[in-house]
N, C-alpha and C. Protein backbone atom coordinates (compact mmCIF):
# COMPACT_ATOMS: atom_id res chain seq x y z
N UNK A 1 32.86 -27.97 -46.68
CA UNK A 1 31.99 -26.61 -46.35
C UNK A 1 32.67 -26.37 -45.94
N UNK A 2 33.27 -24.38 -45.61
CA UNK A 2 33.75 -24.21 -44.81
C UNK A 2 32.67 -22.66 -44.36
N UNK A 3 32.62 -22.07 -43.32
CA UNK A 3 31.24 -21.18 -43.37
C UNK A 3 32.78 -20.63 -41.84
N UNK A 4 32.34 -18.95 -43.13
CA UNK A 4 32.65 -17.87 -42.37
C UNK A 4 31.83 -16.86 -41.72
N UNK A 5 31.23 -17.70 -41.09
CA UNK A 5 29.98 -17.03 -40.04
C UNK A 5 29.67 -16.91 -38.11
N UNK A 6 29.98 -15.53 -38.74
CA UNK A 6 30.57 -15.40 -37.01
C UNK A 6 29.15 -14.15 -36.07
N UNK A 7 29.83 -14.61 -34.70
CA UNK A 7 28.45 -13.77 -34.53
C UNK A 7 28.57 -12.59 -34.44
N UNK A 8 27.45 -11.75 -35.17
CA UNK A 8 27.93 -10.01 -35.69
C UNK A 8 27.49 -9.55 -33.93
N UNK A 9 28.61 -8.21 -33.79
CA UNK A 9 28.36 -7.42 -32.32
C UNK A 9 26.66 -7.20 -33.00
N UNK A 10 25.81 -6.79 -31.09
CA UNK A 10 25.01 -6.01 -31.19
C UNK A 10 25.72 -4.42 -31.47
N UNK A 11 25.21 -4.09 -31.99
CA UNK A 11 24.84 -2.58 -31.58
C UNK A 11 24.42 -1.32 -30.41
N UNK A 12 25.07 -0.58 -30.35
CA UNK A 12 23.99 -0.06 -29.49
C UNK A 12 23.26 0.71 -29.98
N UNK A 13 22.11 0.67 -30.62
CA UNK A 13 20.91 1.14 -31.23
C UNK A 13 19.56 0.49 -31.35
N UNK A 14 20.47 -1.13 -31.46
CA UNK A 14 19.22 -2.29 -31.64
C UNK A 14 19.46 -2.00 -29.58
N UNK A 15 20.20 -2.22 -28.61
CA UNK A 15 19.99 -1.98 -26.94
C UNK A 15 19.08 -1.31 -26.90
N UNK A 16 19.38 0.39 -27.45
CA UNK A 16 18.75 1.56 -26.95
C UNK A 16 17.06 0.66 -27.27
N UNK A 17 17.13 0.53 -28.49
CA UNK A 17 15.71 0.10 -28.66
C UNK A 17 15.02 -1.48 -28.27
N UNK A 18 15.56 -1.71 -27.88
CA UNK A 18 15.05 -3.58 -26.43
C UNK A 18 14.80 -2.34 -25.57
N UNK A 19 15.37 -1.63 -24.69
CA UNK A 19 15.26 -0.96 -23.79
C UNK A 19 13.93 -0.44 -23.83
N UNK A 20 13.51 0.24 -24.68
CA UNK A 20 12.33 1.50 -25.09
C UNK A 20 11.68 0.32 -25.37
N UNK A 21 12.12 -0.15 -26.00
CA UNK A 21 10.85 -1.67 -25.78
C UNK A 21 9.97 -2.66 -24.69
N UNK A 22 11.14 -2.55 -23.55
CA UNK A 22 10.48 -3.32 -22.82
C UNK A 22 10.34 -1.83 -21.22
N UNK A 23 10.96 -0.52 -21.69
CA UNK A 23 10.43 0.64 -21.02
C UNK A 23 8.59 1.16 -20.91
N UNK A 24 8.55 0.66 -22.49
CA UNK A 24 6.71 0.79 -22.99
C UNK A 24 6.10 0.18 -22.62
N UNK A 25 6.65 -1.37 -22.51
CA UNK A 25 5.87 -2.26 -22.25
C UNK A 25 5.18 -2.23 -20.97
N UNK A 26 6.25 -2.11 -20.22
CA UNK A 26 6.42 -2.40 -19.50
C UNK A 26 5.78 -0.72 -17.95
N UNK A 27 5.39 0.13 -19.03
CA UNK A 27 4.46 1.08 -18.51
C UNK A 27 3.00 0.70 -19.07
N UNK A 28 3.03 0.57 -20.07
CA UNK A 28 2.02 -0.13 -20.53
C UNK A 28 1.32 -1.33 -19.63
N UNK A 29 1.81 -2.06 -19.45
CA UNK A 29 1.76 -3.14 -17.84
C UNK A 29 0.74 -2.67 -16.82
N UNK A 30 2.06 -1.98 -16.24
CA UNK A 30 1.20 -0.91 -15.19
C UNK A 30 -0.12 0.09 -15.41
N UNK A 31 0.26 1.04 -15.78
CA UNK A 31 -1.96 1.28 -16.49
C UNK A 31 -2.33 0.71 -16.41
N UNK A 32 -2.61 -0.80 -17.57
CA UNK A 32 -3.30 -2.24 -17.03
C UNK A 32 -3.79 -2.51 -15.81
N UNK A 33 -2.64 -2.29 -15.27
CA UNK A 33 -2.64 -2.71 -13.10
C UNK A 33 -3.76 -1.95 -12.92
N UNK A 34 -3.08 -0.71 -13.18
CA UNK A 34 -3.67 0.15 -12.24
C UNK A 34 -4.93 0.72 -12.45
N UNK A 35 -6.06 0.62 -14.00
CA UNK A 35 -7.38 0.77 -14.24
C UNK A 35 -8.10 -0.27 -13.44
N UNK A 36 -7.53 -1.28 -14.13
CA UNK A 36 -8.05 -2.98 -13.48
C UNK A 36 -8.21 -3.07 -11.48
N UNK A 37 -7.08 -2.14 -11.31
CA UNK A 37 -7.25 -1.99 -9.29
C UNK A 37 -8.09 -0.96 -9.00
N UNK A 38 -8.35 -0.35 -9.57
CA UNK A 38 -9.25 1.29 -9.36
C UNK A 38 -10.60 0.50 -9.84
N UNK A 39 -10.27 -0.23 -10.79
CA UNK A 39 -12.55 -0.71 -11.30
C UNK A 39 -12.76 -1.80 -9.80
N UNK A 40 -11.30 -2.70 -9.58
CA UNK A 40 -11.15 -3.50 -7.63
C UNK A 40 -12.43 -2.40 -7.39
N UNK A 41 -11.33 -1.81 -7.06
CA UNK A 41 -11.55 -0.87 -5.81
C UNK A 41 -12.89 -0.05 -6.24
N UNK A 42 -13.88 0.86 -6.91
CA UNK A 42 -14.50 0.84 -7.40
C UNK A 42 -16.19 -0.34 -6.81
N UNK A 43 -15.53 -1.34 -8.18
CA UNK A 43 -16.24 -2.42 -6.76
C UNK A 43 -17.08 -2.35 -5.86
N UNK A 44 -15.55 -2.39 -5.04
CA UNK A 44 -15.87 -2.48 -4.22
C UNK A 44 -16.63 -2.13 -2.70
N UNK A 45 -16.50 -0.90 -3.68
CA UNK A 45 -16.99 0.36 -2.90
C UNK A 45 -18.29 0.46 -3.58
N UNK A 46 -19.54 0.10 -4.63
CA UNK A 46 -19.96 -0.11 -4.77
C UNK A 46 -20.76 -1.46 -4.59
N UNK A 47 -20.59 -2.63 -4.13
CA UNK A 47 -20.84 -3.57 -4.21
C UNK A 47 -20.20 -3.84 -3.48
N UNK A 48 -19.65 -4.15 -2.61
CA UNK A 48 -19.02 -5.09 -1.55
C UNK A 48 -19.30 -4.64 0.09
N UNK A 49 -20.89 -5.54 0.93
CA UNK A 49 -21.26 -5.09 2.05
C UNK A 49 -20.24 -5.09 2.36
N UNK A 50 -19.96 -5.77 3.47
CA UNK A 50 -18.47 -5.61 4.06
C UNK A 50 -17.68 -4.56 3.91
N UNK A 51 -17.28 -3.66 3.15
CA UNK A 51 -16.56 -3.07 2.76
C UNK A 51 -17.53 -1.80 3.00
N UNK A 52 -18.92 -2.45 2.61
CA UNK A 52 -19.71 -1.13 2.43
C UNK A 52 -20.05 -0.55 4.24
N UNK A 53 -19.91 -1.73 4.69
CA UNK A 53 -20.22 -2.21 6.19
C UNK A 53 -18.70 -1.14 6.62
N UNK A 54 -17.95 -0.95 7.14
CA UNK A 54 -17.20 -0.67 7.39
C UNK A 54 -16.50 1.33 6.52
N UNK A 55 -16.86 1.42 5.74
CA UNK A 55 -17.25 2.74 5.45
C UNK A 55 -18.05 3.47 5.29
N UNK A 56 -19.84 3.05 6.55
CA UNK A 56 -20.69 3.41 7.48
C UNK A 56 -19.78 3.71 8.96
N UNK A 57 -19.08 1.89 9.00
CA UNK A 57 -18.82 2.67 10.48
C UNK A 57 -17.99 3.53 10.99
N UNK A 58 -17.47 3.66 10.39
CA UNK A 58 -16.19 4.72 10.26
C UNK A 58 -16.63 6.51 10.34
N UNK A 59 -18.13 6.51 9.70
CA UNK A 59 -18.76 7.80 9.78
C UNK A 59 -20.04 7.54 11.05
N UNK A 60 -21.03 6.67 10.86
CA UNK A 60 -20.55 6.83 12.03
C UNK A 60 -20.23 7.58 13.89
N UNK A 61 -18.94 6.10 13.31
CA UNK A 61 -18.18 6.77 14.89
C UNK A 61 -17.30 8.22 14.27
N UNK A 62 -17.41 8.29 13.26
CA UNK A 62 -17.79 10.20 13.54
C UNK A 62 -16.19 10.48 12.91
N UNK A 63 -15.60 9.33 11.84
CA UNK A 63 -14.14 9.52 11.35
C UNK A 63 -14.75 9.26 9.98
N UNK A 64 -14.60 10.48 9.02
CA UNK A 64 -14.91 10.70 7.87
C UNK A 64 -13.77 10.23 7.17
N UNK A 65 -13.48 9.47 5.78
CA UNK A 65 -12.21 8.92 5.52
C UNK A 65 -12.06 9.89 4.10
N UNK A 66 -10.70 10.34 3.99
CA UNK A 66 -10.45 11.02 2.81
C UNK A 66 -11.07 10.55 1.47
N UNK A 67 -11.70 11.47 0.34
CA UNK A 67 -11.73 10.71 -0.87
C UNK A 67 -10.67 9.50 -1.27
N UNK A 68 -9.70 10.24 -0.59
CA UNK A 68 -7.89 9.27 -1.56
C UNK A 68 -8.13 8.09 -1.00
N UNK A 69 -8.81 7.71 0.20
CA UNK A 69 -8.28 7.44 0.98
C UNK A 69 -7.88 6.40 0.54
N UNK A 70 -8.72 5.48 -0.88
CA UNK A 70 -7.96 4.07 -0.63
C UNK A 70 -7.75 3.83 -2.14
N UNK A 71 -5.50 4.03 -2.37
CA UNK A 71 -5.43 4.92 -3.95
C UNK A 71 -4.64 2.94 -4.94
N UNK A 72 -4.67 2.65 -5.27
CA UNK A 72 -4.05 1.89 -5.67
C UNK A 72 -2.20 2.14 -6.71
N UNK A 73 -1.09 1.61 -6.09
CA UNK A 73 0.07 1.97 -6.21
C UNK A 73 1.07 1.25 -7.03
N UNK A 74 1.95 1.42 -7.37
CA UNK A 74 2.55 0.81 -8.12
C UNK A 74 4.14 0.09 -6.71
N UNK A 75 3.88 -0.57 -6.53
CA UNK A 75 4.32 -1.50 -5.02
C UNK A 75 6.04 -1.54 -5.76
N UNK A 76 6.55 -1.76 -6.68
CA UNK A 76 7.36 -2.75 -7.43
C UNK A 76 7.71 -4.15 -7.19
N UNK A 77 9.28 -4.49 -6.76
CA UNK A 77 8.35 -5.26 -6.45
C UNK A 77 8.12 -6.30 -4.78
N UNK A 78 7.68 -5.38 -3.95
CA UNK A 78 6.83 -5.53 -2.77
C UNK A 78 6.39 -6.67 -3.13
N UNK A 79 6.66 -7.41 -2.00
CA UNK A 79 5.19 -8.93 -3.11
C UNK A 79 4.23 -8.78 -2.07
N UNK A 80 2.91 -7.37 -1.86
CA UNK A 80 1.80 -8.42 -1.41
C UNK A 80 0.30 -6.88 -2.08
N UNK A 81 -0.10 -6.96 -1.20
CA UNK A 81 -1.43 -6.83 -2.18
C UNK A 81 -1.60 -5.39 -1.84
N UNK A 82 -1.12 -4.98 -0.53
CA UNK A 82 -1.83 -3.74 0.24
C UNK A 82 -1.32 -3.29 1.55
N UNK A 83 -1.41 -2.02 2.26
CA UNK A 83 -1.04 -2.18 3.34
C UNK A 83 -1.83 -0.79 3.75
N UNK A 84 -1.62 0.02 5.19
CA UNK A 84 -2.54 0.81 5.96
C UNK A 84 -1.63 2.00 6.03
N UNK A 85 -2.01 3.50 6.23
CA UNK A 85 -0.97 4.74 7.04
C UNK A 85 0.27 4.95 6.04
N UNK A 86 0.19 5.94 6.03
CA UNK A 86 1.27 6.72 6.02
C UNK A 86 1.62 7.27 7.25
N UNK A 87 3.51 7.16 7.86
CA UNK A 87 3.82 8.17 9.24
C UNK A 87 4.10 9.51 8.60
N UNK A 88 3.28 10.17 9.00
CA UNK A 88 3.63 11.69 9.06
C UNK A 88 4.21 12.63 10.30
N UNK A 89 5.25 13.17 10.11
CA UNK A 89 6.82 13.86 9.82
C UNK A 89 5.60 15.29 11.35
N UNK A 90 5.66 15.31 12.71
CA UNK A 90 4.60 16.78 12.91
C UNK A 90 6.32 17.40 13.78
N UNK A 91 7.48 18.52 12.70
CA UNK A 91 8.38 19.04 14.13
C UNK A 91 7.43 19.79 15.14
N UNK A 92 8.47 19.62 16.23
CA UNK A 92 7.90 19.47 16.92
C UNK A 92 8.97 20.76 17.79
N UNK A 93 9.71 21.39 17.07
CA UNK A 93 10.74 22.63 17.24
C UNK A 93 10.04 24.00 17.06
N UNK A 94 10.43 24.54 18.01
CA UNK A 94 10.44 26.73 17.86
C UNK A 94 9.72 26.39 16.18
N UNK A 95 10.13 26.57 15.30
CA UNK A 95 9.61 26.33 14.10
C UNK A 95 8.15 25.53 13.67
N UNK A 96 8.13 25.22 14.24
CA UNK A 96 6.88 23.94 14.18
C UNK A 96 6.50 23.93 12.64
N UNK A 97 5.56 22.86 12.17
CA UNK A 97 4.89 22.72 11.48
C UNK A 97 5.07 21.62 11.10
N UNK A 98 4.01 20.62 10.02
CA UNK A 98 4.02 19.51 9.45
C UNK A 98 5.29 19.45 8.36
N UNK A 99 5.69 17.74 8.32
CA UNK A 99 6.12 17.67 6.80
C UNK A 99 5.29 15.82 6.69
N UNK A 100 4.87 16.48 5.73
CA UNK A 100 4.65 14.94 4.57
C UNK A 100 5.03 14.31 4.29
N UNK A 101 5.16 13.08 4.68
CA UNK A 101 5.92 11.93 3.77
C UNK A 101 5.71 11.39 3.51
N UNK A 102 4.05 11.24 2.34
CA UNK A 102 3.46 10.73 1.87
C UNK A 102 4.00 11.21 0.28
N UNK A 103 3.75 10.00 -0.89
CA UNK A 103 4.46 10.00 -1.42
C UNK A 103 3.37 9.09 -2.51
N UNK A 104 3.74 9.17 -3.90
CA UNK A 104 3.41 7.98 -4.92
C UNK A 104 3.91 6.33 -4.64
N UNK A 105 4.62 6.26 -4.15
CA UNK A 105 5.41 5.36 -3.30
C UNK A 105 4.78 4.16 -2.94
N UNK A 106 4.98 3.37 -2.65
CA UNK A 106 4.77 2.11 -1.85
C UNK A 106 4.59 2.04 -0.67
N UNK A 107 5.02 2.30 0.03
CA UNK A 107 4.90 2.17 1.74
C UNK A 107 6.35 3.03 1.62
N UNK A 108 6.64 3.35 3.29
CA UNK A 108 7.97 3.68 3.82
C UNK A 108 8.02 2.52 4.51
N UNK A 109 10.13 2.82 3.75
CA UNK A 109 10.90 1.30 4.50
C UNK A 109 11.08 1.45 5.50
N UNK A 110 11.42 -0.20 6.22
CA UNK A 110 12.01 -0.21 6.97
C UNK A 110 12.69 1.18 7.56
N UNK A 111 13.86 1.09 6.93
CA UNK A 111 14.72 1.98 7.05
C UNK A 111 14.28 3.48 7.08
N UNK A 112 13.47 4.42 6.56
CA UNK A 112 12.60 5.50 6.78
C UNK A 112 12.16 5.66 8.17
N UNK A 113 11.57 4.53 8.13
CA UNK A 113 10.59 4.35 9.36
C UNK A 113 11.72 4.39 10.84
N UNK A 114 12.63 3.62 10.67
CA UNK A 114 13.44 3.55 11.84
C UNK A 114 13.49 4.81 11.93
N UNK A 115 14.21 5.85 11.38
CA UNK A 115 15.44 7.52 10.78
C UNK A 115 14.18 7.42 11.79
N UNK A 116 12.64 7.66 11.46
CA UNK A 116 11.56 8.37 11.76
C UNK A 116 11.06 9.00 13.10
N UNK A 117 11.35 7.14 13.63
CA UNK A 117 11.31 6.66 15.05
C UNK A 117 12.51 7.18 16.06
N UNK A 118 13.98 7.15 14.96
CA UNK A 118 14.89 7.68 16.33
C UNK A 118 14.86 9.48 16.28
N UNK A 119 14.11 9.73 15.52
CA UNK A 119 14.00 11.66 15.29
C UNK A 119 13.67 12.11 16.22
N UNK A 120 11.84 11.26 16.69
CA UNK A 120 10.80 11.30 17.70
C UNK A 120 11.57 11.48 18.42
N UNK A 121 12.30 10.06 19.41
CA UNK A 121 13.37 9.73 20.39
C UNK A 121 14.19 10.47 20.91
N UNK A 122 14.81 11.67 19.87
CA UNK A 122 15.53 12.36 20.02
C UNK A 122 14.65 13.91 20.47
N UNK A 123 13.43 13.76 20.12
CA UNK A 123 12.45 14.43 20.97
C UNK A 123 11.88 16.11 19.76
N UNK A 124 13.41 15.91 18.63
CA UNK A 124 12.82 16.96 17.60
C UNK A 124 11.15 16.67 16.76
N UNK A 125 10.52 15.83 16.89
CA UNK A 125 9.88 15.46 16.00
C UNK A 125 8.73 14.22 16.75
N UNK A 126 7.36 14.43 16.23
CA UNK A 126 6.32 14.08 16.73
C UNK A 126 6.04 13.21 15.28
N UNK A 127 5.39 11.23 15.32
CA UNK A 127 4.89 10.81 14.94
C UNK A 127 3.77 10.69 14.69
N UNK A 128 2.54 10.85 13.69
CA UNK A 128 1.60 10.36 13.42
C UNK A 128 1.09 9.37 12.22
N UNK A 129 0.73 8.36 12.92
CA UNK A 129 -0.26 8.19 11.40
C UNK A 129 -1.52 8.07 10.67
N UNK A 130 -0.80 9.09 9.53
CA UNK A 130 -1.86 9.36 8.66
C UNK A 130 -3.11 7.70 7.74
N UNK A 131 -4.00 8.32 8.46
CA UNK A 131 -4.76 7.11 8.04
C UNK A 131 -5.12 6.90 6.16
N UNK A 132 -4.41 5.45 5.71
CA UNK A 132 -4.44 5.66 4.27
C UNK A 132 -4.17 4.19 3.21
N UNK A 133 -5.10 3.79 2.99
CA UNK A 133 -5.11 2.31 2.04
C UNK A 133 -4.35 2.70 1.00
N UNK A 134 -3.67 1.44 0.40
CA UNK A 134 -3.44 2.03 -0.72
C UNK A 134 -3.01 -0.25 -1.09
N UNK A 135 -3.33 -0.11 -2.72
CA UNK A 135 -3.15 -2.03 -2.71
C UNK A 135 -2.42 -1.81 -4.68
N UNK A 136 -1.26 -3.07 -3.77
CA UNK A 136 -0.40 -3.06 -5.29
C UNK A 136 -0.74 -3.15 -6.37
N UNK A 137 -0.86 -2.34 -6.40
CA UNK A 137 -1.96 -2.88 -8.42
C UNK A 137 -1.43 -4.23 -9.05
N UNK A 138 0.08 -4.46 -8.70
CA UNK A 138 0.27 -4.90 -10.08
C UNK A 138 0.85 -6.33 -9.71
N UNK A 139 -0.20 -6.62 -7.46
CA UNK A 139 0.15 -8.15 -7.14
C UNK A 139 -1.10 -8.01 -6.64
N UNK A 140 -2.41 -8.28 -7.29
CA UNK A 140 -3.34 -8.31 -6.79
C UNK A 140 -3.83 -10.02 -7.64
N UNK A 141 -4.63 -10.77 -7.36
CA UNK A 141 -4.92 -11.72 -7.45
C UNK A 141 -6.28 -11.72 -8.71
N UNK A 142 -7.06 -11.34 -8.37
CA UNK A 142 -8.71 -10.90 -8.85
C UNK A 142 -9.06 -10.11 -7.94
N UNK A 143 -10.56 -9.84 -8.40
CA UNK A 143 -11.57 -8.91 -7.53
C UNK A 143 -11.71 -9.20 -6.17
N UNK A 144 -11.86 -10.61 -5.84
CA UNK A 144 -11.45 -11.43 -4.13
C UNK A 144 -10.11 -10.88 -3.78
N UNK A 145 -8.95 -11.00 -4.27
CA UNK A 145 -8.28 -10.17 -3.47
C UNK A 145 -7.76 -8.94 -3.54
N UNK A 146 -8.65 -7.78 -3.72
CA UNK A 146 -8.79 -6.88 -3.74
C UNK A 146 -9.58 -6.49 -3.12
N UNK A 147 -10.84 -7.06 -2.56
CA UNK A 147 -11.49 -6.93 -1.69
C UNK A 147 -11.27 -7.57 -0.46
N UNK A 148 -11.39 -8.91 -0.68
CA UNK A 148 -9.67 -8.88 0.82
C UNK A 148 -8.94 -7.75 1.33
N UNK A 149 -8.26 -7.48 0.40
CA UNK A 149 -7.33 -6.79 0.86
C UNK A 149 -8.16 -5.13 1.78
N UNK A 150 -8.94 -5.12 0.87
CA UNK A 150 -10.12 -3.35 1.44
C UNK A 150 -10.33 -4.09 2.16
N UNK A 151 -10.39 -4.40 2.66
CA UNK A 151 -11.77 -4.54 3.83
C UNK A 151 -10.94 -5.03 5.24
N UNK A 152 -9.31 -5.90 4.91
CA UNK A 152 -8.57 -5.92 5.73
C UNK A 152 -8.48 -4.86 6.51
N UNK A 153 -7.38 -4.09 5.58
CA UNK A 153 -7.11 -2.01 5.80
C UNK A 153 -8.21 -1.37 6.33
N UNK A 154 -9.52 -1.53 5.21
CA UNK A 154 -10.28 -0.47 6.93
C UNK A 154 -10.75 -0.92 8.39
N UNK A 155 -10.18 -2.13 8.77
CA UNK A 155 -10.27 -2.48 9.63
C UNK A 155 -9.60 -2.23 10.14
N UNK A 156 -7.91 -2.05 9.54
CA UNK A 156 -6.81 -1.05 10.56
C UNK A 156 -7.65 0.00 10.86
N UNK A 157 -8.70 0.95 10.12
CA UNK A 157 -8.55 2.40 9.89
C UNK A 157 -9.64 2.20 10.58
N UNK A 158 -11.42 1.48 11.20
CA UNK A 158 -11.91 1.55 12.26
C UNK A 158 -11.02 1.53 13.79
N UNK A 159 -9.70 0.57 13.64
CA UNK A 159 -9.24 0.49 15.02
C UNK A 159 -8.99 1.78 15.28
N UNK A 160 -8.50 2.23 14.51
CA UNK A 160 -7.53 3.53 14.62
C UNK A 160 -8.35 4.41 15.04
N UNK A 161 -9.91 4.82 14.26
CA UNK A 161 -10.99 5.25 14.58
C UNK A 161 -11.86 5.19 16.81
N UNK A 162 -11.87 4.09 16.77
CA UNK A 162 -12.53 3.94 17.85
C UNK A 162 -11.52 3.58 19.06
N UNK A 163 -9.93 4.17 18.97
CA UNK A 163 -9.37 3.45 20.13
C UNK A 163 -7.91 4.39 19.48
N UNK A 164 -7.49 4.70 20.53
CA UNK A 164 -6.09 5.52 21.24
C UNK A 164 -4.34 4.78 20.28
N UNK A 165 -5.04 3.45 19.80
CA UNK A 165 -4.19 3.04 18.95
C UNK A 165 -2.43 3.64 18.39
N UNK A 166 -1.80 3.68 19.02
CA UNK A 166 -0.64 3.57 18.67
C UNK A 166 0.56 2.55 17.89
N UNK A 167 0.48 2.18 16.93
CA UNK A 167 0.97 0.95 16.41
C UNK A 167 2.36 1.79 15.78
N UNK A 168 2.63 2.79 16.43
CA UNK A 168 3.91 2.98 15.80
C UNK A 168 4.92 2.94 16.85
N UNK A 169 4.58 3.93 17.75
CA UNK A 169 5.32 2.88 19.34
C UNK A 169 5.04 1.74 20.17
N UNK A 170 3.57 1.55 19.62
CA UNK A 170 3.43 0.38 20.81
C UNK A 170 2.73 -1.05 20.50
N UNK A 171 3.80 -2.17 20.25
CA UNK A 171 4.29 -3.35 19.15
C UNK A 171 2.82 -3.75 19.60
N UNK A 172 2.11 -3.67 20.60
CA UNK A 172 0.95 -4.42 20.91
C UNK A 172 -0.27 -4.37 20.03
N UNK A 173 0.41 -3.29 20.51
CA UNK A 173 -0.98 -2.16 19.02
C UNK A 173 -1.26 -2.62 17.89
N UNK A 174 -0.08 -2.99 17.42
CA UNK A 174 0.19 -3.28 16.21
C UNK A 174 -0.51 -4.82 16.01
N UNK A 175 0.20 -5.63 17.03
CA UNK A 175 -0.17 -6.97 16.90
C UNK A 175 -2.00 -7.07 16.63
N UNK A 176 -1.77 -6.80 18.12
CA UNK A 176 -3.77 -6.77 18.42
C UNK A 176 -4.63 -6.35 16.71
N UNK A 177 -4.19 -5.12 15.87
CA UNK A 177 -5.47 -4.94 14.93
C UNK A 177 -4.55 -5.40 13.76
N UNK A 178 -3.73 -6.08 13.43
CA UNK A 178 -3.51 -7.35 12.14
C UNK A 178 -3.91 -8.07 12.55
N UNK A 179 -3.88 -9.30 14.13
CA UNK A 179 -4.64 -10.09 13.87
C UNK A 179 -6.39 -9.42 14.06
N UNK A 180 -7.06 -8.99 14.33
CA UNK A 180 -8.29 -8.50 14.62
C UNK A 180 -8.16 -8.44 12.65
N UNK A 181 -7.56 -7.64 11.74
CA UNK A 181 -7.53 -7.66 10.29
C UNK A 181 -6.99 -9.08 9.84
N UNK A 182 -6.36 -9.92 10.08
CA UNK A 182 -6.71 -11.12 9.47
C UNK A 182 -7.59 -12.25 9.61
N UNK A 183 -8.72 -11.76 10.39
CA UNK A 183 -9.13 -12.74 11.01
C UNK A 183 -10.32 -12.20 11.14
N UNK A 184 -11.14 -11.18 10.85
CA UNK A 184 -12.36 -10.19 10.72
C UNK A 184 -12.78 -10.25 9.19
N UNK A 185 -11.08 -10.23 7.78
CA UNK A 185 -11.56 -9.73 6.70
C UNK A 185 -11.39 -11.34 6.00
N UNK A 186 -10.94 -13.10 6.85
CA UNK A 186 -11.07 -13.21 5.79
C UNK A 186 -10.68 -14.34 5.55
N UNK A 187 -9.37 -13.81 5.03
CA UNK A 187 -7.31 -13.85 4.97
C UNK A 187 -7.35 -15.33 6.23
N UNK A 188 -7.85 -15.08 7.01
CA UNK A 188 -7.52 -16.08 8.33
C UNK A 188 -8.32 -17.79 7.60
N UNK A 189 -7.86 -18.25 7.31
CA UNK A 189 -8.63 -20.13 6.38
C UNK A 189 -8.21 -20.80 6.40
N UNK A 190 -8.56 -21.86 6.60
CA UNK A 190 -7.21 -23.15 6.77
C UNK A 190 -7.20 -23.25 4.75
N UNK A 191 -8.31 -23.48 4.62
CA UNK A 191 -7.99 -23.23 2.66
C UNK A 191 -6.63 -22.62 1.87
N UNK A 192 -7.45 -21.16 2.55
CA UNK A 192 -6.46 -20.07 1.62
C UNK A 192 -4.48 -20.05 1.83
N UNK A 193 -4.37 -21.10 3.84
CA UNK A 193 -3.12 -21.66 3.70
C UNK A 193 -3.03 -22.55 2.76
N UNK A 194 -3.66 -23.86 2.20
CA UNK A 194 -3.15 -24.61 1.77
C UNK A 194 -2.77 -24.01 0.36
N UNK A 195 -3.48 -22.97 0.04
CA UNK A 195 -3.19 -22.64 -1.74
C UNK A 195 -1.00 -22.35 -1.45
């Protein structure tokens, strides 16, 4: 018995259809992840006593958080639960003015921040850490993980409000707030380290 079957080449229409399907599936997953993350945030603000306590603490200290303080973002391959702060550039030249570096991306890269720090050292700009919390919507394991991330990042907000902390230029400030956030948020837990 002879067989004349050959592998048929895949045509470009099939490839394009598969790519379109993959893109649509990724967009649907991203939308579901965002919806779930936003539900976790609402539940945290409405029901988590620690999140509520930290928000109240900010208000008591005179630091009114912006309405969109906590945002759910697509962090792509950046494997983290969330983060705090966006670096804002303030031009100190004669033409002065703020340049906001905020976007819907998940955090500025080390390369971007290093470039801004270099500009500040040259005297052409001043940097300011803007309080902003983002949760990486596709990397949250569950509601508990989301709430731990919110508490961790809110501790950074409280630290910024209560002190003249400068984590951009002072690594001791950065280390201090990270240690406090890890310890006080419940993330510093032996059982969690064994997982």
